[in-house]
Amino acid sequence: MSDTQDPYENLKITTGVVAEPNTSRANKTGSWREFKPVIDTDACIGCGQCDTYCPDQAAKPVEGEDFYGFDLDYCKGCGICAEVCPTDAIEMVREVK
């Protein structure tokens, strides 16, 4: 048996509580991404579904335009944005590093 204490032993979280929301904004997580979203700006209708469903808040409207873009410092490449896009304007492409 290990002498290491369980750091979660006395943790008390009420069911349904988010302890620290938006922690990905504090940590740039895009460096380990394998796929990145590429948007076809002509096909994007600016509906915001990518922004609504992005777990990392990496999808944002481009100022002064009618389409969205991605902050790749925070995008993990999960592909949720591409799945929810009603016009298939987002394609997940392999990241080249």
N, C-alpha and C. Protein backbone atom coordinates (compact mmCIF):
# COMPACT_ATOMS: atom_id res chain seq x y z
N MET A 1 0.83 -1.18 0.00
CA MET A 1 0.00 0.00 0.00
C MET A 1 0.88 1.24 0.00
N SER A 2 0.49 2.25 -0.75
CA SER A 2 1.26 3.48 -0.89
C SER A 2 1.03 4.43 0.27
N ASP A 3 2.06 5.20 0.61
CA ASP A 3 1.95 6.22 1.65
C ASP A 3 1.42 7.54 1.08
N THR A 4 1.21 7.59 -0.22
CA THR A 4 0.73 8.80 -0.88
C THR A 4 -0.73 9.02 -0.53
N GLN A 5 -1.03 10.24 -0.07
CA GLN A 5 -2.41 10.58 0.30
C GLN A 5 -3.21 10.93 -0.95
N ASP A 6 -4.46 10.48 -0.98
CA ASP A 6 -5.37 10.78 -2.07
C ASP A 6 -5.77 12.25 -1.98
N PRO A 7 -5.42 13.09 -2.97
CA PRO A 7 -5.75 14.52 -2.89
C PRO A 7 -7.25 14.79 -2.99
N TYR A 8 -8.02 13.80 -3.42
CA TYR A 8 -9.46 13.99 -3.59
C TYR A 8 -10.26 13.36 -2.44
N GLU A 9 -9.57 12.84 -1.45
CA GLU A 9 -10.22 12.12 -0.36
C GLU A 9 -11.30 12.95 0.35
N ASN A 10 -11.05 14.21 0.60
CA ASN A 10 -12.00 15.06 1.32
C ASN A 10 -12.71 16.05 0.41
N LEU A 11 -12.62 15.84 -0.89
CA LEU A 11 -13.25 16.74 -1.84
C LEU A 11 -14.76 16.59 -1.78
N LYS A 12 -15.46 17.71 -1.65
CA LYS A 12 -16.92 17.70 -1.58
C LYS A 12 -17.46 18.58 -2.70
N ILE A 13 -18.09 17.96 -3.67
CA ILE A 13 -18.69 18.69 -4.79
C ILE A 13 -20.13 18.25 -4.90
N THR A 14 -21.02 19.21 -4.92
CA THR A 14 -22.44 18.94 -5.08
C THR A 14 -22.68 18.43 -6.50
N THR A 15 -23.58 17.49 -6.66
CA THR A 15 -23.91 16.95 -7.97
C THR A 15 -24.29 18.06 -8.93
N GLY A 16 -23.70 18.05 -10.11
CA GLY A 16 -24.03 19.03 -11.14
C GLY A 16 -23.23 20.32 -11.06
N VAL A 17 -22.33 20.44 -10.11
CA VAL A 17 -21.55 21.66 -9.96
C VAL A 17 -20.31 21.58 -10.83
N VAL A 18 -20.00 22.66 -11.53
CA VAL A 18 -18.77 22.76 -12.28
C VAL A 18 -17.79 23.51 -11.39
N ALA A 19 -16.74 22.83 -10.96
CA ALA A 19 -15.82 23.42 -9.99
C ALA A 19 -15.04 24.59 -10.56
N GLU A 20 -14.49 24.45 -11.76
CA GLU A 20 -13.72 25.52 -12.37
C GLU A 20 -14.06 25.61 -13.85
N PRO A 21 -15.07 26.40 -14.21
CA PRO A 21 -15.44 26.51 -15.62
C PRO A 21 -14.38 27.25 -16.42
N ASN A 22 -14.34 26.94 -17.71
CA ASN A 22 -13.46 27.64 -18.66
C ASN A 22 -11.97 27.53 -18.32
N THR A 23 -11.55 26.43 -17.74
CA THR A 23 -10.14 26.30 -17.40
C THR A 23 -9.26 26.23 -18.64
N SER A 24 -9.83 25.86 -19.78
CA SER A 24 -9.01 25.81 -20.99
C SER A 24 -8.59 27.20 -21.43
N ARG A 25 -9.30 28.25 -21.02
CA ARG A 25 -8.90 29.62 -21.36
C ARG A 25 -7.65 30.03 -20.58
N ALA A 26 -7.37 29.34 -19.47
CA ALA A 26 -6.19 29.64 -18.68
C ALA A 26 -4.97 28.88 -19.20
N ASN A 27 -5.21 27.84 -19.98
CA ASN A 27 -4.12 26.99 -20.48
C ASN A 27 -4.24 26.83 -21.99
N LYS A 28 -3.21 27.23 -22.70
CA LYS A 28 -3.23 27.04 -24.16
C LYS A 28 -3.04 25.55 -24.42
N THR A 29 -4.07 24.94 -25.00
CA THR A 29 -4.08 23.49 -25.17
C THR A 29 -3.97 23.05 -26.63
N GLY A 30 -3.82 23.99 -27.54
CA GLY A 30 -3.80 23.65 -28.95
C GLY A 30 -2.55 22.95 -29.44
N SER A 31 -1.51 22.92 -28.65
CA SER A 31 -0.23 22.36 -29.12
C SER A 31 -0.27 20.85 -29.33
N TRP A 32 -1.21 20.14 -28.73
CA TRP A 32 -1.24 18.69 -28.89
C TRP A 32 -2.35 18.23 -29.83
N ARG A 33 -2.93 19.16 -30.55
CA ARG A 33 -4.01 18.87 -31.49
C ARG A 33 -3.47 18.08 -32.69
N GLU A 34 -4.24 17.09 -33.18
CA GLU A 34 -3.88 16.35 -34.38
C GLU A 34 -4.64 16.84 -35.61
N PHE A 35 -5.85 17.36 -35.40
CA PHE A 35 -6.65 17.91 -36.49
C PHE A 35 -7.08 19.32 -36.12
N LYS A 36 -7.19 20.17 -37.11
CA LYS A 36 -7.66 21.53 -36.84
C LYS A 36 -8.82 21.87 -37.76
N PRO A 37 -9.71 22.75 -37.30
CA PRO A 37 -10.83 23.15 -38.14
C PRO A 37 -10.41 24.19 -39.16
N VAL A 38 -10.86 24.00 -40.39
CA VAL A 38 -10.65 24.98 -41.45
C VAL A 38 -12.03 25.34 -41.96
N ILE A 39 -12.31 26.64 -42.01
CA ILE A 39 -13.66 27.08 -42.36
C ILE A 39 -13.71 27.61 -43.79
N ASP A 40 -14.74 27.23 -44.49
CA ASP A 40 -15.03 27.76 -45.82
C ASP A 40 -15.89 29.00 -45.58
N THR A 41 -15.28 30.17 -45.66
CA THR A 41 -15.98 31.41 -45.32
C THR A 41 -17.15 31.69 -46.25
N ASP A 42 -17.12 31.15 -47.45
CA ASP A 42 -18.24 31.34 -48.37
C ASP A 42 -19.45 30.49 -47.96
N ALA A 43 -19.20 29.34 -47.35
CA ALA A 43 -20.28 28.45 -46.94
C ALA A 43 -20.82 28.77 -45.55
N CYS A 44 -20.01 29.46 -44.71
CA CYS A 44 -20.42 29.79 -43.35
C CYS A 44 -21.55 30.82 -43.39
N ILE A 45 -22.63 30.52 -42.66
CA ILE A 45 -23.78 31.44 -42.62
C ILE A 45 -23.80 32.26 -41.32
N GLY A 46 -22.77 32.10 -40.49
CA GLY A 46 -22.67 32.88 -39.26
C GLY A 46 -23.68 32.51 -38.21
N CYS A 47 -24.13 31.26 -38.20
CA CYS A 47 -25.18 30.83 -37.26
C CYS A 47 -24.68 30.72 -35.82
N GLY A 48 -23.38 30.49 -35.64
CA GLY A 48 -22.81 30.41 -34.30
C GLY A 48 -22.89 29.05 -33.63
N GLN A 49 -23.32 28.02 -34.35
CA GLN A 49 -23.40 26.69 -33.75
C GLN A 49 -22.02 26.21 -33.30
N CYS A 50 -20.99 26.53 -34.06
CA CYS A 50 -19.63 26.13 -33.69
C CYS A 50 -19.24 26.78 -32.36
N ASP A 51 -19.58 28.03 -32.18
CA ASP A 51 -19.29 28.76 -30.94
C ASP A 51 -20.10 28.18 -29.78
N THR A 52 -21.36 27.89 -30.02
CA THR A 52 -22.24 27.36 -28.98
C THR A 52 -21.75 26.02 -28.45
N TYR A 53 -21.30 25.14 -29.32
CA TYR A 53 -20.94 23.79 -28.92
C TYR A 53 -19.45 23.57 -28.64
N CYS A 54 -18.60 24.53 -28.95
CA CYS A 54 -17.16 24.36 -28.73
C CYS A 54 -16.87 24.28 -27.23
N PRO A 55 -16.31 23.15 -26.76
CA PRO A 55 -16.03 23.02 -25.34
C PRO A 55 -14.89 23.90 -24.86
N ASP A 56 -14.12 24.44 -25.77
CA ASP A 56 -12.96 25.25 -25.41
C ASP A 56 -13.12 26.73 -25.74
N GLN A 57 -14.28 27.11 -26.20
CA GLN A 57 -14.56 28.49 -26.59
C GLN A 57 -13.52 29.01 -27.60
N ALA A 58 -13.13 28.15 -28.52
CA ALA A 58 -12.14 28.51 -29.53
C ALA A 58 -12.79 29.10 -30.78
N ALA A 59 -14.07 28.87 -31.01
CA ALA A 59 -14.78 29.41 -32.18
C ALA A 59 -15.35 30.77 -31.81
N LYS A 60 -15.05 31.75 -32.64
CA LYS A 60 -15.52 33.12 -32.37
C LYS A 60 -15.89 33.80 -33.69
N PRO A 61 -16.86 34.72 -33.63
CA PRO A 61 -17.18 35.47 -34.85
C PRO A 61 -16.00 36.37 -35.23
N VAL A 62 -15.76 36.48 -36.52
CA VAL A 62 -14.70 37.36 -37.01
C VAL A 62 -15.29 38.77 -37.07
N GLU A 63 -14.65 39.70 -36.39
CA GLU A 63 -15.16 41.06 -36.29
C GLU A 63 -15.33 41.69 -37.67
N GLY A 64 -16.53 42.23 -37.90
CA GLY A 64 -16.82 42.91 -39.15
C GLY A 64 -17.16 41.98 -40.30
N GLU A 65 -17.27 40.69 -40.02
CA GLU A 65 -17.56 39.70 -41.07
C GLU A 65 -18.78 38.88 -40.67
N ASP A 66 -19.31 38.11 -41.61
CA ASP A 66 -20.46 37.25 -41.36
C ASP A 66 -20.06 35.79 -41.25
N PHE A 67 -18.86 35.52 -40.75
CA PHE A 67 -18.42 34.15 -40.57
C PHE A 67 -17.60 34.02 -39.30
N TYR A 68 -17.30 32.78 -38.93
CA TYR A 68 -16.58 32.48 -37.70
C TYR A 68 -15.15 32.06 -38.01
N GLY A 69 -14.31 32.18 -37.01
CA GLY A 69 -12.93 31.74 -37.08
C GLY A 69 -12.59 30.97 -35.81
N PHE A 70 -11.35 30.51 -35.70
CA PHE A 70 -10.96 29.68 -34.57
C PHE A 70 -9.66 30.16 -33.96
N ASP A 71 -9.62 30.23 -32.65
CA ASP A 71 -8.40 30.55 -31.92
C ASP A 71 -7.67 29.23 -31.71
N LEU A 72 -6.70 28.96 -32.54
CA LEU A 72 -6.02 27.66 -32.53
C LEU A 72 -5.12 27.46 -31.32
N ASP A 73 -4.87 28.51 -30.53
CA ASP A 73 -4.13 28.33 -29.29
C ASP A 73 -4.93 27.48 -28.30
N TYR A 74 -6.26 27.51 -28.44
CA TYR A 74 -7.12 26.82 -27.48
C TYR A 74 -7.89 25.64 -28.08
N CYS A 75 -7.95 25.55 -29.39
CA CYS A 75 -8.68 24.46 -30.05
C CYS A 75 -7.94 23.15 -29.86
N LYS A 76 -8.65 22.13 -29.37
CA LYS A 76 -8.06 20.81 -29.18
C LYS A 76 -8.28 19.89 -30.37
N GLY A 77 -9.06 20.36 -31.35
CA GLY A 77 -9.28 19.55 -32.54
C GLY A 77 -10.29 18.44 -32.37
N CYS A 78 -11.25 18.62 -31.50
CA CYS A 78 -12.23 17.56 -31.21
C CYS A 78 -13.20 17.32 -32.37
N GLY A 79 -13.44 18.35 -33.19
CA GLY A 79 -14.31 18.19 -34.35
C GLY A 79 -15.79 18.41 -34.09
N ILE A 80 -16.15 18.79 -32.87
CA ILE A 80 -17.56 19.04 -32.57
C ILE A 80 -18.10 20.14 -33.48
N CYS A 81 -17.31 21.17 -33.72
CA CYS A 81 -17.74 22.28 -34.57
C CYS A 81 -18.13 21.79 -35.96
N ALA A 82 -17.32 20.91 -36.52
CA ALA A 82 -17.61 20.38 -37.86
C ALA A 82 -18.87 19.52 -37.86
N GLU A 83 -19.10 18.80 -36.78
CA GLU A 83 -20.28 17.94 -36.68
C GLU A 83 -21.57 18.74 -36.60
N VAL A 84 -21.55 19.87 -35.89
CA VAL A 84 -22.79 20.64 -35.68
C VAL A 84 -23.03 21.70 -36.75
N CYS A 85 -22.06 21.93 -37.63
CA CYS A 85 -22.21 22.97 -38.66
C CYS A 85 -23.30 22.55 -39.66
N PRO A 86 -24.37 23.35 -39.77
CA PRO A 86 -25.48 22.97 -40.66
C PRO A 86 -25.17 23.07 -42.14
N THR A 87 -24.11 23.78 -42.50
CA THR A 87 -23.77 23.93 -43.92
C THR A 87 -22.49 23.20 -44.31
N ASP A 88 -21.95 22.41 -43.39
CA ASP A 88 -20.68 21.70 -43.62
C ASP A 88 -19.57 22.65 -44.04
N ALA A 89 -19.54 23.82 -43.43
CA ALA A 89 -18.53 24.83 -43.77
C ALA A 89 -17.20 24.57 -43.06
N ILE A 90 -17.18 23.63 -42.11
CA ILE A 90 -15.96 23.36 -41.34
C ILE A 90 -15.45 21.97 -41.68
N GLU A 91 -14.18 21.93 -42.06
CA GLU A 91 -13.53 20.66 -42.36
C GLU A 91 -12.38 20.47 -41.37
N MET A 92 -12.28 19.28 -40.82
CA MET A 92 -11.16 18.97 -39.92
C MET A 92 -10.03 18.42 -40.78
N VAL A 93 -8.89 19.10 -40.75
CA VAL A 93 -7.72 18.68 -41.54
C VAL A 93 -6.57 18.35 -40.60
N ARG A 94 -5.74 17.40 -41.03
CA ARG A 94 -4.61 16.99 -40.21
C ARG A 94 -3.67 18.17 -39.98
N GLU A 95 -3.27 18.32 -38.73
CA GLU A 95 -2.35 19.38 -38.33
C GLU A 95 -0.95 19.05 -38.83
N VAL A 96 -0.29 20.00 -39.44
CA VAL A 96 1.08 19.83 -39.90
C VAL A 96 1.97 20.68 -38.98
N LYS A 97 2.89 20.01 -38.30
CA LYS A 97 3.76 20.73 -37.35
C LYS A 97 5.19 20.66 -37.75
